[in-house]
Amino acid sequence: MGKELLLAAGLVLVVEGLGPMLIPNRWRNMVKEMSQLPDSSLRRIGGCLVVAGVVIAYMMWPSK
């Protein structure tokens, strides 16, 4: 189980690093715009991302 969590964390880092590596100016502008959003909108976005991540993890979880 530990190997899978490390693999997942590594994949998250790869995906998160693609924006600043490939399109740094657009990524910076997106971060600036997101910093202007109200807390409620950021919470809603974060909640949707968490739910999507849980659904994907559940679908990919090996069945016994």
PDB file of N, CA and C in Angstrom:
ATOM      1  N   MET A   1       0.821  -1.194   0.000  1.00  0.00           N
ATOM      2  CA  MET A   1       0.000   0.000   0.000  1.00  0.00           C
ATOM      3  C   MET A   1       0.867   1.260   0.000  1.00  0.00           C
ATOM      4  N   GLY A   2       2.004   1.234   0.662  1.00  0.00           N
ATOM      5  CA  GLY A   2       2.875   2.397   0.713  1.00  0.00           C
ATOM      6  C   GLY A   2       3.432   2.764  -0.647  1.00  0.00           C
ATOM      7  N   LYS A   3       3.742   1.751  -1.456  1.00  0.00           N
ATOM      8  CA  LYS A   3       4.272   2.017  -2.790  1.00  0.00           C
ATOM      9  C   LYS A   3       3.234   2.718  -3.657  1.00  0.00           C
ATOM     10  N   GLU A   4       1.985   2.309  -3.525  1.00  0.00           N
ATOM     11  CA  GLU A   4       0.930   2.919  -4.324  1.00  0.00           C
ATOM     12  C   GLU A   4       0.724   4.387  -3.958  1.00  0.00           C
ATOM     13  N   LEU A   5       0.809   4.684  -2.663  1.00  0.00           N
ATOM     14  CA  LEU A   5       0.652   6.079  -2.237  1.00  0.00           C
ATOM     15  C   LEU A   5       1.809   6.939  -2.740  1.00  0.00           C
ATOM     16  N   LEU A   6       3.014   6.407  -2.698  1.00  0.00           N
ATOM     17  CA  LEU A   6       4.149   7.155  -3.227  1.00  0.00           C
ATOM     18  C   LEU A   6       4.030   7.346  -4.733  1.00  0.00           C
ATOM     19  N   LEU A   7       3.549   6.328  -5.434  1.00  0.00           N
ATOM     20  CA  LEU A   7       3.339   6.453  -6.870  1.00  0.00           C
ATOM     21  C   LEU A   7       2.301   7.530  -7.162  1.00  0.00           C
ATOM     22  N   ALA A   8       1.203   7.519  -6.407  1.00  0.00           N
ATOM     23  CA  ALA A   8       0.159   8.523  -6.595  1.00  0.00           C
ATOM     24  C   ALA A   8       0.695   9.927  -6.321  1.00  0.00           C
ATOM     25  N   ALA A   9       1.468  10.078  -5.244  1.00  0.00           N
ATOM     26  CA  ALA A   9       2.041  11.391  -4.922  1.00  0.00           C
ATOM     27  C   ALA A   9       2.996  11.842  -6.020  1.00  0.00           C
ATOM     28  N   GLY A  10       3.778  10.915  -6.547  1.00  0.00           N
ATOM     29  CA  GLY A  10       4.677  11.264  -7.644  1.00  0.00           C
ATOM     30  C   GLY A  10       3.935  11.712  -8.879  1.00  0.00           C
ATOM     31  N   LEU A  11       2.845  11.022  -9.204  1.00  0.00           N
ATOM     32  CA  LEU A  11       2.055  11.415 -10.369  1.00  0.00           C
ATOM     33  C   LEU A  11       1.411  12.781 -10.172  1.00  0.00           C
ATOM     34  N   VAL A  12       0.956  13.070  -8.966  1.00  0.00           N
ATOM     35  CA  VAL A  12       0.392  14.400  -8.678  1.00  0.00           C
ATOM     36  C   VAL A  12       1.454  15.467  -8.896  1.00  0.00           C
ATOM     37  N   LEU A  13       2.670  15.227  -8.433  1.00  0.00           N
ATOM     38  CA  LEU A  13       3.740  16.202  -8.617  1.00  0.00           C
ATOM     39  C   LEU A  13       4.059  16.410 -10.096  1.00  0.00           C
ATOM     40  N   VAL A  14       4.036  15.339 -10.880  1.00  0.00           N
ATOM     41  CA  VAL A  14       4.289  15.461 -12.315  1.00  0.00           C
ATOM     42  C   VAL A  14       3.213  16.334 -12.959  1.00  0.00           C
ATOM     43  N   VAL A  15       1.949  16.032 -12.670  1.00  0.00           N
ATOM     44  CA  VAL A  15       0.851  16.792 -13.283  1.00  0.00           C
ATOM     45  C   VAL A  15       0.881  18.249 -12.834  1.00  0.00           C
ATOM     46  N   GLU A  16       1.131  18.475 -11.535  1.00  0.00           N
ATOM     47  CA  GLU A  16       1.172  19.847 -11.028  1.00  0.00           C
ATOM     48  C   GLU A  16       2.352  20.634 -11.603  1.00  0.00           C
ATOM     49  N   GLY A  17       3.419  19.968 -11.939  1.00  0.00           N
ATOM     50  CA  GLY A  17       4.590  20.653 -12.462  1.00  0.00           C
ATOM     51  C   GLY A  17       4.529  20.966 -13.945  1.00  0.00           C
ATOM     52  N   LEU A  18       3.590  20.351 -14.664  1.00  0.00           N
ATOM     53  CA  LEU A  18       3.514  20.578 -16.103  1.00  0.00           C
ATOM     54  C   LEU A  18       3.166  22.028 -16.459  1.00  0.00           C
ATOM     55  N   GLY A  19       2.245  22.628 -15.736  1.00  0.00           N
ATOM     56  CA  GLY A  19       1.844  24.007 -16.031  1.00  0.00           C
ATOM     57  C   GLY A  19       2.986  24.998 -15.943  1.00  0.00           C
ATOM     58  N   PRO A  20       3.653  25.091 -14.774  1.00  0.00           N
ATOM     59  CA  PRO A  20       4.756  26.040 -14.672  1.00  0.00           C
ATOM     60  C   PRO A  20       5.923  25.721 -15.601  1.00  0.00           C
ATOM     61  N   MET A  21       6.112  24.450 -15.955  1.00  0.00           N
ATOM     62  CA  MET A  21       7.232  24.091 -16.818  1.00  0.00           C
ATOM     63  C   MET A  21       6.955  24.447 -18.281  1.00  0.00           C
ATOM     64  N   LEU A  22       5.745  24.148 -18.753  1.00  0.00           N
ATOM     65  CA  LEU A  22       5.447  24.311 -20.179  1.00  0.00           C
ATOM     66  C   LEU A  22       4.907  25.693 -20.540  1.00  0.00           C
ATOM     67  N   ILE A  23       4.064  26.253 -19.689  1.00  0.00           N
ATOM     68  CA  ILE A  23       3.453  27.556 -19.993  1.00  0.00           C
ATOM     69  C   ILE A  23       3.491  28.454 -18.746  1.00  0.00           C
ATOM     70  N   PRO A  24       4.683  28.901 -18.352  1.00  0.00           N
ATOM     71  CA  PRO A  24       4.811  29.630 -17.080  1.00  0.00           C
ATOM     72  C   PRO A  24       4.016  30.931 -17.020  1.00  0.00           C
ATOM     73  N   ASN A  25       3.952  31.690 -18.107  1.00  0.00           N
ATOM     74  CA  ASN A  25       3.223  32.963 -18.060  1.00  0.00           C
ATOM     75  C   ASN A  25       1.723  32.747 -17.888  1.00  0.00           C
ATOM     76  N   ARG A  26       1.167  31.808 -18.641  1.00  0.00           N
ATOM     77  CA  ARG A  26      -0.267  31.521 -18.516  1.00  0.00           C
ATOM     78  C   ARG A  26      -0.581  30.937 -17.148  1.00  0.00           C
ATOM     79  N   TRP A  27       0.325  30.096 -16.636  1.00  0.00           N
ATOM     80  CA  TRP A  27       0.128  29.503 -15.314  1.00  0.00           C
ATOM     81  C   TRP A  27       0.144  30.594 -14.241  1.00  0.00           C
ATOM     82  N   ARG A  28       1.083  31.531 -14.344  1.00  0.00           N
ATOM     83  CA  ARG A  28       1.169  32.636 -13.385  1.00  0.00           C
ATOM     84  C   ARG A  28      -0.096  33.490 -13.414  1.00  0.00           C
ATOM     85  N   ASN A  29      -0.595  33.777 -14.637  1.00  0.00           N
ATOM     86  CA  ASN A  29      -1.825  34.561 -14.755  1.00  0.00           C
ATOM     87  C   ASN A  29      -3.013  33.833 -14.135  1.00  0.00           C
ATOM     88  N   MET A  30      -3.081  32.513 -14.328  1.00  0.00           N
ATOM     89  CA  MET A  30      -4.171  31.740 -13.742  1.00  0.00           C
ATOM     90  C   MET A  30      -4.110  31.802 -12.213  1.00  0.00           C
ATOM     91  N   VAL A  31      -2.907  31.698 -11.654  1.00  0.00           N
ATOM     92  CA  VAL A  31      -2.764  31.759 -10.201  1.00  0.00           C
ATOM     93  C   VAL A  31      -3.164  33.142  -9.690  1.00  0.00           C
ATOM     94  N   LYS A  32      -2.787  34.201 -10.425  1.00  0.00           N
ATOM     95  CA  LYS A  32      -3.196  35.557 -10.031  1.00  0.00           C
ATOM     96  C   LYS A  32      -4.706  35.692 -10.031  1.00  0.00           C
ATOM     97  N   GLU A  33      -5.359  35.190 -11.084  1.00  0.00           N
ATOM     98  CA  GLU A  33      -6.817  35.275 -11.158  1.00  0.00           C
ATOM     99  C   GLU A  33      -7.483  34.466 -10.053  1.00  0.00           C
ATOM    100  N   MET A  34      -6.941  33.287  -9.776  1.00  0.00           N
ATOM    101  CA  MET A  34      -7.531  32.463  -8.716  1.00  0.00           C
ATOM    102  C   MET A  34      -7.371  33.113  -7.347  1.00  0.00           C
ATOM    103  N   SER A  35      -6.286  33.873  -7.156  1.00  0.00           N
ATOM    104  CA  SER A  35      -6.092  34.527  -5.861  1.00  0.00           C
ATOM    105  C   SER A  35      -7.119  35.626  -5.618  1.00  0.00           C
ATOM    106  N   GLN A  36      -7.776  36.082  -6.684  1.00  0.00           N
ATOM    107  CA  GLN A  36      -8.793  37.122  -6.550  1.00  0.00           C
ATOM    108  C   GLN A  36     -10.189  36.548  -6.288  1.00  0.00           C
ATOM    109  N   LEU A  37     -10.348  35.237  -6.430  1.00  0.00           N
ATOM    110  CA  LEU A  37     -11.656  34.614  -6.217  1.00  0.00           C
ATOM    111  C   LEU A  37     -12.021  34.635  -4.733  1.00  0.00           C
ATOM    112  N   PRO A  38     -13.316  34.721  -4.438  1.00  0.00           N
ATOM    113  CA  PRO A  38     -13.729  34.644  -3.026  1.00  0.00           C
ATOM    114  C   PRO A  38     -13.478  33.245  -2.459  1.00  0.00           C
ATOM    115  N   ASP A  39     -13.369  33.174  -1.138  1.00  0.00           N
ATOM    116  CA  ASP A  39     -13.093  31.901  -0.476  1.00  0.00           C
ATOM    117  C   ASP A  39     -14.125  30.834  -0.817  1.00  0.00           C
ATOM    118  N   SER A  40     -15.380  31.234  -0.936  1.00  0.00           N
ATOM    119  CA  SER A  40     -16.435  30.249  -1.217  1.00  0.00           C
ATOM    120  C   SER A  40     -16.212  29.583  -2.575  1.00  0.00           C
ATOM    121  N   SER A  41     -15.778  30.340  -3.557  1.00  0.00           N
ATOM    122  CA  SER A  41     -15.515  29.762  -4.875  1.00  0.00           C
ATOM    123  C   SER A  41     -14.323  28.820  -4.832  1.00  0.00           C
ATOM    124  N   LEU A  42     -13.274  29.211  -4.116  1.00  0.00           N
ATOM    125  CA  LEU A  42     -12.109  28.341  -3.998  1.00  0.00           C
ATOM    126  C   LEU A  42     -12.463  27.051  -3.266  1.00  0.00           C
ATOM    127  N   ARG A  43     -13.304  27.160  -2.231  1.00  0.00           N
ATOM    128  CA  ARG A  43     -13.729  25.952  -1.519  1.00  0.00           C
ATOM    129  C   ARG A  43     -14.541  25.042  -2.428  1.00  0.00           C
ATOM    130  N   ARG A  44     -15.406  25.625  -3.241  1.00  0.00           N
ATOM    131  CA  ARG A  44     -16.230  24.827  -4.163  1.00  0.00           C
ATOM    132  C   ARG A  44     -15.334  24.118  -5.184  1.00  0.00           C
ATOM    133  N   ILE A  45     -14.361  24.832  -5.736  1.00  0.00           N
ATOM    134  CA  ILE A  45     -13.430  24.224  -6.696  1.00  0.00           C
ATOM    135  C   ILE A  45     -12.643  23.105  -6.019  1.00  0.00           C
ATOM    136  N   GLY A  46     -12.114  23.386  -4.830  1.00  0.00           N
ATOM    137  CA  GLY A  46     -11.360  22.370  -4.096  1.00  0.00           C
ATOM    138  C   GLY A  46     -12.207  21.158  -3.768  1.00  0.00           C
ATOM    139  N   GLY A  47     -13.449  21.372  -3.374  1.00  0.00           N
ATOM    140  CA  GLY A  47     -14.347  20.261  -3.066  1.00  0.00           C
ATOM    141  C   GLY A  47     -14.630  19.406  -4.283  1.00  0.00           C
ATOM    142  N   CYS A  48     -14.839  20.049  -5.427  1.00  0.00           N
ATOM    143  CA  CYS A  48     -15.069  19.294  -6.668  1.00  0.00           C
ATOM    144  C   CYS A  48     -13.842  18.469  -7.035  1.00  0.00           C
ATOM    145  N   LEU A  49     -12.660  19.031  -6.860  1.00  0.00           N
ATOM    146  CA  LEU A  49     -11.439  18.287  -7.161  1.00  0.00           C
ATOM    147  C   LEU A  49     -11.261  17.098  -6.221  1.00  0.00           C
ATOM    148  N   VAL A  50     -11.585  17.282  -4.952  1.00  0.00           N
ATOM    149  CA  VAL A  50     -11.478  16.187  -3.996  1.00  0.00           C
ATOM    150  C   VAL A  50     -12.456  15.072  -4.354  1.00  0.00           C
ATOM    151  N   VAL A  51     -13.708  15.433  -4.663  1.00  0.00           N
ATOM    152  CA  VAL A  51     -14.700  14.426  -5.033  1.00  0.00           C
ATOM    153  C   VAL A  51     -14.267  13.691  -6.297  1.00  0.00           C
ATOM    154  N   ALA A  52     -13.780  14.419  -7.291  1.00  0.00           N
ATOM    155  CA  ALA A  52     -13.322  13.769  -8.526  1.00  0.00           C
ATOM    156  C   ALA A  52     -12.162  12.825  -8.230  1.00  0.00           C
ATOM    157  N   GLY A  53     -11.238  13.235  -7.376  1.00  0.00           N
ATOM    158  CA  GLY A  53     -10.120  12.381  -7.015  1.00  0.00           C
ATOM    159  C   GLY A  53     -10.559  11.120  -6.286  1.00  0.00           C
ATOM    160  N   VAL A  54     -11.521  11.256  -5.384  1.00  0.00           N
ATOM    161  CA  VAL A  54     -12.028  10.086  -4.653  1.00  0.00           C
ATOM    162  C   VAL A  54     -12.724   9.126  -5.608  1.00  0.00           C
ATOM    163  N   VAL A  55     -13.514   9.654  -6.539  1.00  0.00           N
ATOM    164  CA  VAL A  55     -14.207   8.798  -7.505  1.00  0.00           C
ATOM    165  C   VAL A  55     -13.199   8.051  -8.377  1.00  0.00           C
ATOM    166  N   ILE A  56     -12.185   8.754  -8.866  1.00  0.00           N
ATOM    167  CA  ILE A  56     -11.158   8.104  -9.694  1.00  0.00           C
ATOM    168  C   ILE A  56     -10.415   7.042  -8.883  1.00  0.00           C
ATOM    169  N   ALA A  57     -10.042   7.372  -7.647  1.00  0.00           N
ATOM    170  CA  ALA A  57      -9.329   6.404  -6.808  1.00  0.00           C
ATOM    171  C   ALA A  57     -10.204   5.180  -6.545  1.00  0.00           C
ATOM    172  N   TYR A  58     -11.490   5.402  -6.293  1.00  0.00           N
ATOM    173  CA  TYR A  58     -12.408   4.280  -6.045  1.00  0.00           C
ATOM    174  C   TYR A  58     -12.525   3.399  -7.277  1.00  0.00           C
ATOM    175  N   MET A  59     -12.626   4.028  -8.440  1.00  0.00           N
ATOM    176  CA  MET A  59     -12.755   3.259  -9.690  1.00  0.00           C
ATOM    177  C   MET A  59     -11.484   2.464  -9.997  1.00  0.00           C
ATOM    178  N   MET A  60     -10.327   2.989  -9.618  1.00  0.00           N
ATOM    179  CA  MET A  60      -9.066   2.346  -9.940  1.00  0.00           C
ATOM    180  C   MET A  60      -8.592   1.396  -8.836  1.00  0.00           C
ATOM    181  N   TRP A  61      -9.250   1.392  -7.686  1.00  0.00           N
ATOM    182  CA  TRP A  61      -8.844   0.566  -6.566  1.00  0.00           C
ATOM    183  C   TRP A  61      -8.953  -0.904  -6.954  1.00  0.00           C
ATOM    184  N   PRO A  62      -7.916  -1.681  -6.721  1.00  0.00           N
ATOM    185  CA  PRO A  62      -7.980  -3.097  -7.124  1.00  0.00           C
ATOM    186  C   PRO A  62      -9.016  -3.853  -6.288  1.00  0.00           C
ATOM    187  N   SER A  63      -9.871  -4.590  -6.976  1.00  0.00           N
ATOM    188  CA  SER A  63     -10.877  -5.368  -6.264  1.00  0.00           C
ATOM    189  C   SER A  63     -10.294  -6.715  -5.862  1.00  0.00           C
ATOM    190  N   LYS A  64     -10.813  -7.271  -4.793  1.00  0.00           N
ATOM    191  CA  LYS A  64     -10.281  -8.549  -4.278  1.00  0.00           C
ATOM    192  C   LYS A  64     -11.107  -9.700  -4.757  1.00  0.00           C
TER     193      LYS A  64
END
